[in-house]
Protein backbone atom coordinates (compact mmCIF):
# COMPACT_ATOMS: atom_id res chain seq x y z
CA MET A 1 4.78 -20.41 18.24
CA PRO A 2 1.58 -21.73 17.03
CA SER A 3 0.25 -21.52 13.44
CA VAL A 4 -2.56 -19.38 12.24
CA SER A 5 -5.82 -21.32 12.04
CA LYS A 6 -9.17 -20.16 10.85
CA THR A 7 -11.63 -18.97 13.52
CA GLU A 8 -15.38 -18.51 12.61
CA ASP A 9 -17.25 -15.29 13.75
CA LEU A 10 -14.07 -13.69 15.04
CA SER A 11 -14.08 -10.21 16.34
CA ALA A 12 -12.20 -8.27 19.04
CA GLU A 13 -15.10 -8.45 21.23
CA ASN A 14 -15.38 -12.03 21.54
CA ILE A 15 -11.85 -12.37 22.36
CA ASN A 16 -11.41 -12.63 26.28
CA ALA A 17 -8.56 -14.44 27.96
CA ASP A 18 -10.90 -15.33 31.17
CA THR A 19 -13.44 -17.25 29.04
CA VAL A 20 -11.38 -19.17 26.63
CA ASP A 21 -8.25 -21.34 27.12
CA SER A 22 -4.88 -19.94 26.44
CA ASP A 23 -4.10 -21.78 23.18
CA GLN A 24 -7.43 -20.83 21.78
CA TYR A 25 -7.01 -17.05 22.89
CA HIS A 26 -3.56 -16.93 21.22
CA THR A 27 -4.72 -18.43 18.16
CA GLN A 28 -7.62 -15.88 17.90
CA LEU A 29 -4.99 -13.15 18.50
CA TYR A 30 -3.21 -14.27 15.48
CA GLU A 31 -6.17 -14.67 13.30
CA LEU A 32 -7.03 -11.03 14.31
CA LEU A 33 -3.43 -10.02 13.55
CA LYS A 34 -3.80 -11.75 10.12
CA GLN A 35 -6.90 -9.77 9.48
CA ARG A 36 -5.42 -6.51 10.31
CA GLU A 37 -2.23 -7.17 8.35
CA GLN A 38 -4.20 -7.79 5.02
CA TYR A 39 -6.21 -4.34 5.82
CA TRP A 40 -2.84 -2.61 6.43
CA TRP A 41 -1.20 -4.05 3.29
CA GLN A 42 -4.32 -2.93 1.15
CA ALA A 43 -4.19 0.55 2.79
CA ARG A 44 -0.59 1.03 2.10
CA GLN A 45 -1.20 -0.15 -1.68
CA GLN A 46 -3.97 2.23 -1.99
CA LEU A 47 -1.77 5.13 -0.47
CA LEU A 48 0.98 4.27 -3.03
CA ILE A 49 -1.38 4.32 -6.06
CA HIS A 50 -2.72 7.83 -4.97
CA ARG A 51 0.89 9.11 -4.33
CA GLU A 52 2.16 7.97 -7.76
CA ARG A 53 -0.96 9.55 -9.36
CA LYS A 54 -0.16 12.81 -7.48
CA MET A 55 3.48 12.71 -8.54
CA VAL A 56 2.57 12.18 -12.32
CA TRP A 57 -0.35 14.52 -12.68
CA TYR A 58 0.45 17.17 -10.07
CA GLY A 59 4.17 17.07 -9.27
CA GLU A 60 6.72 19.58 -10.25
CA ASN A 61 7.06 18.16 -14.01
CA SER A 62 3.39 17.58 -14.29
CA LEU A 63 2.71 20.15 -16.71
CA MET A 64 4.56 18.37 -19.40
CA MET A 65 2.38 15.50 -18.73
CA TRP A 66 -0.72 17.44 -19.23
CA LEU A 67 0.37 19.16 -22.50
CA LEU A 68 1.65 15.71 -23.74
CA TRP A 69 -1.91 14.05 -23.31
CA GLN A 70 -3.45 17.37 -24.66
CA LEU A 71 -1.32 16.80 -27.89
CA VAL A 72 -2.53 13.05 -27.87
CA SER A 73 -5.98 14.20 -27.81
CA TYR A 74 -5.60 16.44 -30.76
CA VAL A 75 -4.12 13.41 -32.57
CA VAL A 76 -6.96 11.05 -31.52
CA VAL A 77 -9.80 13.68 -32.40
CA ALA A 78 -8.03 14.09 -35.84
CA MET A 79 -7.92 10.40 -36.51
CA VAL A 80 -11.37 9.79 -35.50
CA LEU A 81 -12.61 12.58 -37.67
CA MET A 82 -10.54 11.18 -40.73
CA LEU A 83 -12.24 7.70 -40.08
CA LEU A 84 -15.71 9.09 -39.85
CA SER A 85 -15.06 11.10 -43.10
CA ASN A 86 -13.99 7.80 -44.96
CA LEU A 87 -16.76 5.74 -43.45
CA PHE A 88 -19.77 8.07 -44.07
CA ASN A 89 -18.37 10.49 -46.74
CA LEU A 90 -18.67 13.29 -44.42
CA VAL A 91 -17.12 16.59 -45.63
CA LEU A 92 -16.94 19.13 -42.91
CA PRO A 93 -15.87 22.84 -43.80
CA LEU A 94 -12.55 24.06 -42.45
CA TRP A 95 -14.21 26.30 -39.63
CA GLN A 96 -15.87 23.33 -38.11
CA TYR A 97 -12.57 21.54 -37.62
CA ILE A 98 -10.96 24.79 -36.13
CA ALA A 99 -13.97 25.14 -33.88
CA LEU A 100 -13.54 21.68 -32.46
CA PHE A 101 -10.07 21.82 -31.72
CA ILE A 102 -10.53 25.31 -30.28
CA LEU A 103 -13.19 23.75 -27.92
CA GLN A 104 -10.51 21.14 -27.11
CA THR A 105 -8.25 23.86 -26.19
CA VAL A 106 -10.80 25.67 -23.99
CA ILE A 107 -11.64 22.47 -22.21
CA PHE A 108 -8.05 21.87 -21.77
CA ILE A 109 -7.44 25.34 -20.08
CA ILE A 110 -10.44 24.92 -17.76
CA MET A 111 -9.08 21.58 -16.57
CA LEU A 112 -5.66 23.12 -16.14
CA GLY A 113 -7.18 25.85 -14.22
CA ALA A 114 -8.90 23.38 -11.99
CA LYS A 115 -5.73 21.35 -11.59
CA GLY A 116 -4.95 22.98 -7.98
CA ARG A 117 -8.47 21.93 -6.59
CA SER A 118 -8.01 18.36 -8.15
CA ALA A 119 -4.59 18.21 -6.32
CA ASN A 120 -6.16 19.32 -3.10
CA LYS A 121 -8.61 16.49 -3.57
CA LEU A 122 -6.14 13.92 -4.19
CA GLN A 123 -4.12 15.10 -1.28
CA ARG A 124 -7.21 14.46 1.14
CA LYS A 125 -7.36 11.05 -0.11
CA ILE A 126 -3.67 10.47 0.46
CA ASP A 127 -4.03 12.04 4.19
CA ASN A 128 -6.94 9.56 4.64
CA ASP A 129 -5.00 6.60 3.31
CA GLU A 130 -2.22 7.46 5.75
CA LEU A 131 -4.49 7.68 8.68
CA ILE A 132 -6.09 4.37 7.87
CA SER A 133 -2.82 2.79 7.46
CA GLU A 134 -1.52 4.14 10.64
CA GLU A 135 -4.49 3.20 12.64
CA ALA A 136 -4.28 -0.48 11.06
CA PHE A 137 -0.63 -0.79 11.88
CA ASN A 138 -1.06 0.42 15.53
CA GLU A 139 -3.79 -2.26 15.87
CA MET A 140 -1.33 -4.70 14.45
CA VAL A 141 1.14 -3.59 16.99
CA ILE A 142 -1.34 -3.98 19.94
CA LEU A 143 -2.21 -7.60 18.83
CA ALA A 144 1.47 -8.34 18.33
CA GLU A 145 2.17 -7.31 22.13
CA ASP A 146 0.14 -10.55 23.29
CA SER A 147 1.10 -12.68 20.62
CA LEU A 148 3.96 -12.30 18.16
CA TYR A 149 6.33 -10.48 20.42
CA PRO A 150 6.25 -12.81 23.36
CA ASP A 151 6.69 -15.73 21.02
CA VAL A 152 9.83 -14.00 19.16
CA HIS A 153 11.40 -13.46 22.60
CA ALA A 154 10.65 -17.05 23.80
CA ASN A 155 12.31 -18.48 20.64
CA SER A 156 15.11 -16.01 20.41
CA PRO A 157 17.53 -15.97 18.63
CA ILE A 158 15.24 -16.47 15.58
CA SER A 159 15.47 -15.50 11.95
CA LEU A 160 12.90 -13.49 9.94
CA ARG A 161 12.63 -16.55 7.71
CA GLN A 162 11.70 -18.85 10.54
CA VAL A 163 9.09 -16.52 11.89
CA TYR A 164 7.69 -16.28 8.30
CA ASP A 165 7.69 -20.23 8.21
CA TYR A 166 5.82 -20.71 11.50
CA PHE A 167 2.99 -18.57 9.82
CA ASP A 168 3.10 -20.94 6.71
CA GLY A 169 3.25 -17.78 4.55
CA LYS A 170 0.15 -16.51 5.78
CA PHE A 171 1.83 -13.03 6.83
CA HIS A 172 4.07 -10.90 4.50
CA LEU A 173 7.63 -10.79 5.19
CA ALA A 174 7.33 -6.84 4.97
CA SER A 175 4.67 -6.83 7.64
CA ILE A 176 6.39 -9.13 10.10
CA HIS A 177 9.74 -6.96 9.70
CA ALA A 178 7.73 -3.73 10.18
CA LEU A 179 6.13 -5.05 13.42
CA LEU A 180 9.35 -6.74 14.86
CA GLN A 181 11.21 -3.35 14.10
CA LYS A 182 8.97 -1.73 16.62
CA GLU A 183 10.64 -4.03 19.17
CA VAL A 184 14.17 -3.35 17.83
CA ASP A 185 13.49 0.50 18.08
CA ALA A 186 12.24 0.13 21.60
CA GLY A 187 15.59 -1.79 22.54
CA ARG A 188 13.82 -4.97 23.34
CA LEU A 189 15.10 -6.99 20.11
CA MET A 190 18.42 -6.77 18.47
CA LEU A 191 18.58 -7.25 14.58
CA THR A 192 21.80 -8.49 13.45
CA GLN A 193 21.27 -7.39 9.83
CA GLN A 194 19.90 -3.92 9.29
CA LYS A 195 21.59 -2.69 5.96
CA LEU A 196 18.38 -2.91 4.00
CA ASN A 197 16.03 -0.32 2.04
CA ALA A 198 12.88 -2.18 3.20
CA LYS A 199 11.80 0.71 5.19
CA VAL A 200 11.65 3.17 2.35
CA LEU A 201 10.51 0.83 -0.44
CA PRO A 202 6.90 -0.09 -1.33
CA LEU A 203 5.59 -3.06 0.26
CA ASP A 204 5.91 -5.31 -2.80
CA LEU A 205 9.54 -4.45 -3.43
CA ALA A 206 10.38 -4.57 0.29
CA ASP A 207 8.85 -8.03 0.34
CA GLY A 208 11.26 -9.10 -2.57
CA GLU A 209 14.26 -7.49 -0.82
CA LEU A 210 13.46 -9.03 2.49
CA ASN A 211 12.94 -12.45 0.89
CA GLU A 212 16.63 -12.52 -0.18
CA HIS A 213 17.96 -11.68 3.27
CA ALA A 214 15.37 -13.21 5.53
CA SER A 215 17.58 -16.04 6.76
CA GLU A 216 20.44 -13.64 7.56
CA MET A 217 18.13 -11.29 9.70
CA ILE A 218 18.36 -12.78 13.11
CA TYR A 219 16.38 -11.22 16.13
CA LYS A 220 18.00 -11.74 19.47
CA SER A 221 15.88 -10.93 22.78
CA MET A 222 17.37 -8.16 24.75
CA VAL A 223 14.85 -8.78 27.72
């Protein structure tokens, strides 16, 4: 299994098995796979950020968060007014203080009323992130069919740690695991260790869990 090497001006259009030798073609496929893996990883991270934001600000218990921040805004404004009064010896009449806090409340009510529209806008971003992530992963699978999968089958049985080491750490464990899982699901590979939560964990956490068990996860070819 060759390691990934840097190829200048690499694109899907200039990869052609008929015009380049087999080793160069193989290396170029791995370089493209590395690029798509990084793109997929970034898309998944962006998706996670947007999902967390939706859960906090628009989830079932989000009203408490909105009320908490409104209370914080009252405290901050009150502290700023006290500071300005001390610095510039400003003395505002009571009705101006009341008017300011009423204005804050009105703004809060307007924002709360627009909560549904904001949630829908964020959901569209999440849907777009999911689409980008799915497209990037599908491209990874297509590239892996002519690079990673044949090499894993040829070197079977092989552990996830060994596959990772072949690439000198240029791929994330979670990415390799996700790609090989496609072959497992298709019945072409058998994984000896499957009691993991890597599928449902965020990529960073999945990478950490896989790192602990990568040497125990042995892939055996069924073809």
